[in-house]
Structure formats: C-alpha cells, structure tokens
Amino acid sequence: MKHGFSALALTALLAGPVAAQDSTLSGTVAEVFDRQIVLAAPEGRMLVTLPDDATVPEAGARVNLTGTAEGRSFTASSLSLAPAEAPAPAPAPQAQAQAGELPQPLRDLGLTEVMTRMEDHKDDRELHLHARLPEGGWLRAKTERGQLTDVETDSGALPEALLAALLPEAARNAPAMAELTRLEKIDLDEDDGEIEVEGRASDGTRLELTFARDGRLMELDRERDDKRRSMTEAEARETLGALGYSEVGFVKRGGRHVDAVAQSPDGDWVEVRLDDRGRLDRERLWDR
C-alpha cells in the first residue's frame, strides 16, 4: 500500500467550482495514498477520502461508493467492492506498461510499505517506487516503458533475484564483481545498453563498474568516501526525528550531505536533504 500524499496539492489540481452534493460513485482504483485513493470513474479521475472503518482497496479493484462530491474530490461514507469483471484479452506490451504494473522482478520481492508515483516525460512515463524490503532495508526503483531500469538499496545488498534479472551472466561472473561485498545499485541505460553497478568492497571503498550489454567490463572506478562527512545513517535518522520528520525510509549518504524519504511535520511524504551539520538543505514533495 502506498503511504502519504499531499492532499492539498492534488485537490488543488483536481478540484472544480462544483458545490458539494450527495451522490454515488463507481470506478477502478488507480492509485492508493494511505486513507485516500484516486478513482478512475466515468466522470473522470476523482480524489476519494475513504471512511475511517473501510478496508483500503488495492490498486485495480473496482469499488462502489456513496458520499459527498465537491468538484473532483469525494468524501465517501460507505464503500463496497464491485463484482469482478470477466478477464479481458491480454493487453499489448505497451498497454501493460501504461497500466503501471510493477515488473516481475519487483512483484516477486515481497515488498511492503510501497509508494509509487508516475512522471511524464516527452516520450515516456516513468514509474518511481519506494518500498521496504523483507529484510528491513529500503528500496528505490524506476521503470521506463514498463522495463526496470534503476534499483538501489540503502542497507545490506540488493536481492539476488534482482541481480539475476538485470545483469547478464558474464557481468555476474566478472572477477571485479567478486570484490563487492555489498551491491547497492544497478542502473541500466536503455539507449546504449550500458549497465552501471555500484557497491562496497570489503575494505570499505566504493566501487563503480560499467558493463556493456553483453556483460563485458568496460570501466572500473574505485573511490574512498569523503573523510569530511560527519553524519552516519543513524545520526541522520535521529536528526530528522528532532526536526519533526517521521516514518523515515530510504536514507543515502552523499559526499557532504544525506538524502532521505520521510514524512514531514505537516504529514506529507517528502524527499529531504541534510547538510553535514544536520541543517535542512532541501525538501520537496515526493509525489509532485
């Protein structure tokens, strides 16, 4: 289930000057944000606030609602699941990608606390994901045209299932890969086919490996962390808590800063950056 949502931002986007009125509403759940959903209905996309006692439906479920409508917002007083429709013919690959369905490697990981957002670009729509791994770490991922192109974890190492799905056998068996005790990030370039792998060696150095599409090693970069960094992950989480942030998820240490995903003091899910002294450098809505 996706958590957090800037209700004010989306309401401002969707709301129209229509007066509140009692009504019924039916449609398919397009997105889920804690106790709110975006419903694809014949009337258009609606932002729905669910009843407190209702079970939050999953994305793709068909629901019937009663409640009060105001513009493109709807406050539901009751919710029921609509009967399942007969299976439709298998869609073309492009239609599957547009539906925002997670790629198979992600669906099989047992992810929880899943948050996603769609970003529209000139020639494509990108799906961005933030979720908790079964082992307790956090995962960030991105898909383009329905294909997984970016995965990164903030603790431990990426699951073996992702390595098998994203890396050619020649890359997985490369001697340089044996140096990595923690493989933290894989980035696939759809244009030139290059594969970038980042992780940690046993001596603590950071390794960046670049492979060709066929798994041949093209480049190896080894770099030590900036010794001026002053905040550990634990210190960053403690500092964010002191600043009023909660539900701190993905945390990544940079050269002299820390990036994180957390819930702001106002209750919105945000991407936040702290400098090496624990001062707030940047905050922006995660679902923007």
Protein backbone atom coordinates (compact mmCIF):
# COMPACT_ATOMS: atom_id res chain seq x y z
CA MET A 1 0.00 0.00 0.00
CA LYS A 2 1.22 3.48 -0.74
CA HIS A 3 1.55 5.86 2.14
CA GLY A 4 1.35 9.59 2.42
CA PHE A 5 0.02 12.06 -0.03
CA SER A 6 -0.13 15.81 -0.47
CA ALA A 7 -3.92 16.05 -0.38
CA LEU A 8 -3.80 19.81 -0.70
CA ALA A 9 -1.67 19.64 -3.82
CA LEU A 10 -3.78 17.03 -5.62
CA THR A 11 -7.06 18.59 -4.53
CA ALA A 12 -5.89 21.90 -5.96
CA LEU A 13 -5.10 20.11 -9.19
CA LEU A 14 -8.39 18.23 -9.47
CA ALA A 15 -10.94 20.43 -7.73
CA GLY A 16 -13.51 22.40 -9.68
CA PRO A 17 -16.02 25.02 -8.54
CA VAL A 18 -18.88 22.50 -8.18
CA ALA A 19 -20.87 22.66 -4.93
CA ALA A 20 -20.91 19.69 -2.54
CA GLN A 21 -23.71 17.18 -3.13
CA ASP A 22 -24.71 13.68 -2.02
CA SER A 23 -24.05 11.12 -4.74
CA THR A 24 -22.82 7.65 -5.66
CA LEU A 25 -19.59 6.89 -7.46
CA SER A 26 -18.20 3.76 -9.11
CA GLY A 27 -14.90 3.08 -10.79
CA THR A 28 -11.47 1.47 -10.62
CA VAL A 29 -8.83 2.31 -8.02
CA ALA A 30 -5.93 3.87 -9.91
CA GLU A 31 -3.65 4.84 -7.01
CA VAL A 32 -3.62 4.46 -3.22
CA PHE A 33 -2.30 7.01 -0.72
CA ASP A 34 -2.88 5.93 2.90
CA ARG A 35 -6.61 6.69 3.53
CA GLN A 36 -7.14 8.28 0.10
CA ILE A 37 -7.41 6.83 -3.38
CA VAL A 38 -7.50 8.18 -6.91
CA LEU A 39 -10.51 6.61 -8.63
CA ALA A 40 -10.80 6.27 -12.41
CA ALA A 41 -14.53 6.80 -12.91
CA PRO A 42 -16.75 7.64 -15.91
CA GLU A 43 -16.83 11.20 -14.55
CA GLY A 44 -13.02 11.35 -14.69
CA ARG A 45 -10.32 10.86 -12.09
CA MET A 46 -11.54 11.63 -8.57
CA LEU A 47 -9.66 12.07 -5.30
CA VAL A 48 -11.57 9.99 -2.73
CA THR A 49 -11.23 10.16 1.06
CA LEU A 50 -12.21 6.76 2.45
CA PRO A 51 -14.42 6.10 5.50
CA ASP A 52 -12.43 5.52 8.71
CA ASP A 53 -13.79 1.99 9.11
CA ALA A 54 -13.30 0.92 5.49
CA THR A 55 -10.64 -1.54 4.35
CA VAL A 56 -8.38 0.25 1.87
CA PRO A 57 -8.82 -1.38 -1.57
CA GLU A 58 -5.86 -2.32 -3.72
CA ALA A 59 -5.00 -0.58 -6.97
CA GLY A 60 -7.03 -2.15 -9.77
CA ALA A 61 -10.03 -3.00 -7.57
CA ARG A 62 -13.48 -1.88 -8.72
CA VAL A 63 -15.49 -0.16 -5.99
CA ASN A 64 -18.89 1.42 -5.40
CA LEU A 65 -19.02 4.48 -3.13
CA THR A 66 -21.64 6.70 -1.57
CA GLY A 67 -20.82 10.06 -0.09
CA THR A 68 -20.40 13.73 -0.83
CA ALA A 69 -18.86 15.11 -4.01
CA GLU A 70 -17.28 18.52 -4.36
CA GLY A 71 -15.60 19.23 -7.67
CA ARG A 72 -13.12 16.41 -8.30
CA SER A 73 -12.99 15.46 -4.60
CA PHE A 74 -15.25 12.87 -2.99
CA THR A 75 -15.70 12.10 0.72
CA ALA A 76 -17.05 8.56 1.00
CA SER A 77 -19.43 7.46 3.75
CA SER A 78 -19.55 3.83 2.56
CA LEU A 79 -17.52 1.58 0.28
CA SER A 80 -18.20 -1.80 -1.30
CA LEU A 81 -16.25 -3.87 -3.79
CA ALA A 82 -17.87 -4.31 -7.19
CA PRO A 83 -18.15 -7.84 -8.66
CA ALA A 84 -15.07 -8.88 -10.58
CA GLU A 85 -15.33 -8.48 -14.33
CA ALA A 86 -14.59 -11.26 -16.76
CA PRO A 87 -10.91 -11.35 -17.71
CA ALA A 88 -10.13 -9.11 -20.64
CA PRO A 89 -7.90 -10.23 -23.51
CA ALA A 90 -4.22 -9.93 -22.71
CA PRO A 91 -3.14 -6.36 -23.49
CA ALA A 92 -0.28 -5.49 -25.75
CA PRO A 93 3.08 -4.90 -24.02
CA GLN A 94 2.72 -1.14 -24.42
CA ALA A 95 -0.70 -1.20 -22.71
CA GLN A 96 0.74 -3.18 -19.81
CA ALA A 97 3.45 -0.60 -19.35
CA GLN A 98 0.91 2.22 -19.37
CA ALA A 99 -1.08 0.47 -16.67
CA GLY A 100 1.84 0.98 -14.30
CA GLU A 101 2.06 -2.68 -13.29
CA LEU A 102 5.30 -3.44 -11.48
CA PRO A 103 7.83 -5.52 -13.43
CA GLN A 104 8.03 -9.18 -12.43
CA PRO A 105 11.36 -8.86 -10.55
CA LEU A 106 9.78 -6.33 -8.17
CA ARG A 107 6.49 -8.21 -7.75
CA ASP A 108 8.38 -11.28 -6.52
CA LEU A 109 10.41 -9.49 -3.83
CA GLY A 110 7.75 -9.38 -1.12
CA LEU A 111 7.87 -5.58 -0.88
CA THR A 112 5.80 -3.76 1.75
CA GLU A 113 5.01 -0.10 2.52
CA VAL A 114 5.08 0.57 -1.22
CA MET A 115 4.81 4.14 -2.54
CA THR A 116 4.81 4.93 -6.25
CA ARG A 117 4.49 7.97 -8.46
CA MET A 118 4.31 8.50 -12.21
CA GLU A 119 6.40 11.12 -14.02
CA ASP A 120 5.51 12.19 -17.55
CA HIS A 121 8.35 12.90 -19.94
CA LYS A 122 8.40 13.82 -23.62
CA ASP A 123 8.39 10.28 -24.97
CA ASP A 124 7.62 8.16 -21.94
CA ARG A 125 6.10 7.78 -18.49
CA GLU A 126 8.37 6.74 -15.63
CA LEU A 127 7.21 4.83 -12.57
CA HIS A 128 9.18 5.65 -9.40
CA LEU A 129 8.92 3.32 -6.41
CA HIS A 130 9.92 3.47 -2.72
CA ALA A 131 9.34 0.34 -0.62
CA ARG A 132 10.60 -1.75 2.28
CA LEU A 133 12.43 -5.00 1.58
CA PRO A 134 11.58 -8.16 3.55
CA GLU A 135 14.98 -7.95 5.28
CA GLY A 136 14.14 -4.47 6.58
CA GLY A 137 16.12 -2.21 4.24
CA TRP A 138 14.57 0.24 1.80
CA LEU A 139 14.48 0.02 -2.00
CA ARG A 140 14.11 2.71 -4.63
CA ALA A 141 13.40 1.73 -8.22
CA LYS A 142 12.41 3.22 -11.57
CA THR A 143 10.83 1.79 -14.71
CA GLU A 144 10.79 3.23 -18.23
CA ARG A 145 8.36 1.90 -20.84
CA GLY A 146 7.44 -0.80 -18.34
CA GLN A 147 11.04 -2.02 -18.01
CA LEU A 148 13.02 -1.87 -14.77
CA THR A 149 15.99 0.49 -15.29
CA ASP A 150 17.09 1.61 -11.82
CA VAL A 151 17.25 -0.16 -8.45
CA GLU A 152 19.02 0.99 -5.29
CA THR A 153 19.02 -0.05 -1.65
CA ASP A 154 20.16 1.92 1.39
CA SER A 155 21.26 -1.01 3.56
CA GLY A 156 22.50 -4.53 3.07
CA ALA A 157 22.63 -5.54 -0.58
CA LEU A 158 20.25 -5.87 -3.50
CA PRO A 159 18.33 -9.18 -3.56
CA GLU A 160 19.87 -11.93 -5.67
CA ALA A 161 16.67 -12.14 -7.71
CA LEU A 162 17.27 -8.60 -9.00
CA LEU A 163 20.86 -9.37 -9.91
CA ALA A 164 19.77 -12.41 -11.91
CA ALA A 165 17.05 -10.41 -13.67
CA LEU A 166 19.10 -7.32 -14.52
CA LEU A 167 22.70 -8.45 -15.02
CA PRO A 168 23.99 -10.67 -17.85
CA GLU A 169 25.70 -13.85 -16.68
CA ALA A 170 29.06 -12.56 -17.89
CA ALA A 171 28.71 -9.48 -15.68
CA ARG A 172 27.64 -11.51 -12.64
CA ASN A 173 30.69 -13.76 -13.06
CA ALA A 174 33.21 -10.96 -13.72
CA PRO A 175 36.21 -11.03 -11.32
CA ALA A 176 35.57 -7.39 -10.40
CA MET A 177 32.11 -8.34 -9.11
CA ALA A 178 33.74 -10.71 -6.62
CA GLU A 179 35.25 -7.68 -4.87
CA LEU A 180 31.81 -6.35 -3.98
CA THR A 181 30.60 -7.40 -0.55
CA ARG A 182 27.52 -5.17 -0.89
CA LEU A 183 25.97 -4.47 -4.29
CA GLU A 184 23.78 -1.42 -3.68
CA LYS A 185 22.74 -0.02 -7.07
CA ILE A 186 22.14 -1.07 -10.68
CA ASP A 187 21.44 1.47 -13.43
CA LEU A 188 20.50 0.32 -16.94
CA ASP A 189 20.92 2.74 -19.85
CA GLU A 190 18.24 1.81 -22.38
CA ASP A 191 19.86 3.92 -25.11
CA ASP A 192 23.38 2.47 -25.27
CA GLY A 193 22.79 -0.71 -23.28
CA GLU A 194 25.44 0.08 -20.67
CA ILE A 195 24.94 -1.27 -17.15
CA GLU A 196 26.36 0.60 -14.15
CA VAL A 197 26.83 -1.24 -10.87
CA GLU A 198 27.75 0.39 -7.55
CA GLY A 199 28.63 -1.15 -4.23
CA ARG A 200 31.13 -1.59 -1.41
CA ALA A 201 34.33 -3.62 -1.32
CA SER A 202 35.50 -5.43 1.81
CA ASP A 203 37.90 -2.57 2.68
CA GLY A 204 35.06 -0.02 2.63
CA THR A 205 35.93 1.57 -0.69
CA ARG A 206 33.15 2.30 -3.16
CA LEU A 207 33.34 0.50 -6.49
CA GLU A 208 31.59 1.62 -9.67
CA LEU A 209 31.61 -0.88 -12.53
CA THR A 210 30.36 -0.27 -16.07
CA PHE A 211 29.44 -3.25 -18.27
CA ALA A 212 28.44 -3.50 -21.91
CA ARG A 213 25.11 -5.04 -22.83
CA ASP A 214 26.79 -8.43 -23.28
CA GLY A 215 28.40 -8.29 -19.82
CA ARG A 216 31.93 -7.23 -20.80
CA LEU A 217 33.58 -4.96 -18.20
CA MET A 218 34.18 -1.54 -19.75
CA GLU A 219 35.24 0.57 -16.77
CA LEU A 220 36.11 0.26 -13.07
CA ASP A 221 36.27 3.23 -10.70
CA ARG A 222 37.35 2.90 -7.08
CA GLU A 223 36.89 5.80 -4.68
CA ARG A 224 37.08 6.30 -0.94
CA ASP A 225 34.41 8.19 0.95
CA ASP A 226 34.90 11.89 1.59
CA LYS A 227 36.56 11.93 5.04
CA ARG A 228 34.83 15.22 5.82
CA ARG A 229 31.44 13.54 6.05
CA SER A 230 30.17 13.90 9.59
CA MET A 231 26.76 12.20 9.69
CA THR A 232 26.16 8.47 9.85
CA GLU A 233 22.83 6.97 8.79
CA ALA A 234 21.84 6.61 12.45
CA GLU A 235 22.72 10.25 13.14
CA ALA A 236 20.72 11.35 10.09
CA ARG A 237 17.64 9.45 11.26
CA GLU A 238 17.98 10.93 14.75
CA THR A 239 18.40 14.45 13.33
CA LEU A 240 15.35 14.08 11.09
CA GLY A 241 13.32 12.96 14.09
CA ALA A 242 14.48 16.00 16.07
CA LEU A 243 13.39 18.22 13.15
CA GLY A 244 9.88 16.77 13.30
CA TYR A 245 10.13 14.22 10.48
CA SER A 246 8.73 10.72 11.00
CA GLU A 247 8.47 7.37 9.18
CA VAL A 248 11.99 7.86 7.83
CA GLY A 249 12.51 5.40 4.99
CA PHE A 250 15.29 5.35 2.40
CA VAL A 251 18.49 7.09 3.60
CA LYS A 252 21.55 7.67 1.41
CA ARG A 253 24.78 9.36 2.46
CA GLY A 254 26.42 11.60 -0.12
CA GLY A 255 29.76 13.40 -0.10
CA ARG A 256 28.76 16.06 2.44
CA HIS A 257 25.02 15.53 2.72
CA VAL A 258 22.34 12.94 3.43
CA ASP A 259 19.25 12.33 1.27
CA ALA A 260 16.17 10.66 2.74
CA VAL A 261 12.48 9.94 2.20
CA ALA A 262 10.31 10.75 5.22
CA GLN A 263 7.01 12.18 6.41
CA SER A 264 7.22 15.92 7.05
CA PRO A 265 5.89 17.68 10.17
CA ASP A 266 2.87 18.62 8.02
CA GLY A 267 2.16 14.95 7.25
CA ASP A 268 3.33 14.97 3.62
CA TRP A 269 5.77 12.42 2.20
CA VAL A 270 8.86 14.35 1.09
CA GLU A 271 12.39 13.94 -0.21
CA VAL A 272 14.69 15.80 2.15
CA ARG A 273 18.40 16.65 2.20
CA LEU A 274 20.52 17.47 5.28
CA ASP A 275 23.98 19.04 5.13
CA ASP A 276 26.93 17.64 7.09
CA ARG A 277 25.91 19.70 10.13
CA GLY A 278 22.36 18.39 10.17
CA ARG A 279 20.78 21.51 8.69
CA LEU A 280 17.90 21.25 6.24
CA ASP A 281 19.22 21.85 2.72
CA ARG A 282 16.17 20.88 0.66
CA GLU A 283 12.68 19.50 0.95
CA ARG A 284 10.28 18.65 -1.86
CA LEU A 285 7.09 16.63 -2.12
CA TRP A 286 7.75 13.02 -3.02
CA ASP A 287 4.56 12.85 -5.11
CA ARG A 288 4.95 16.02 -7.17
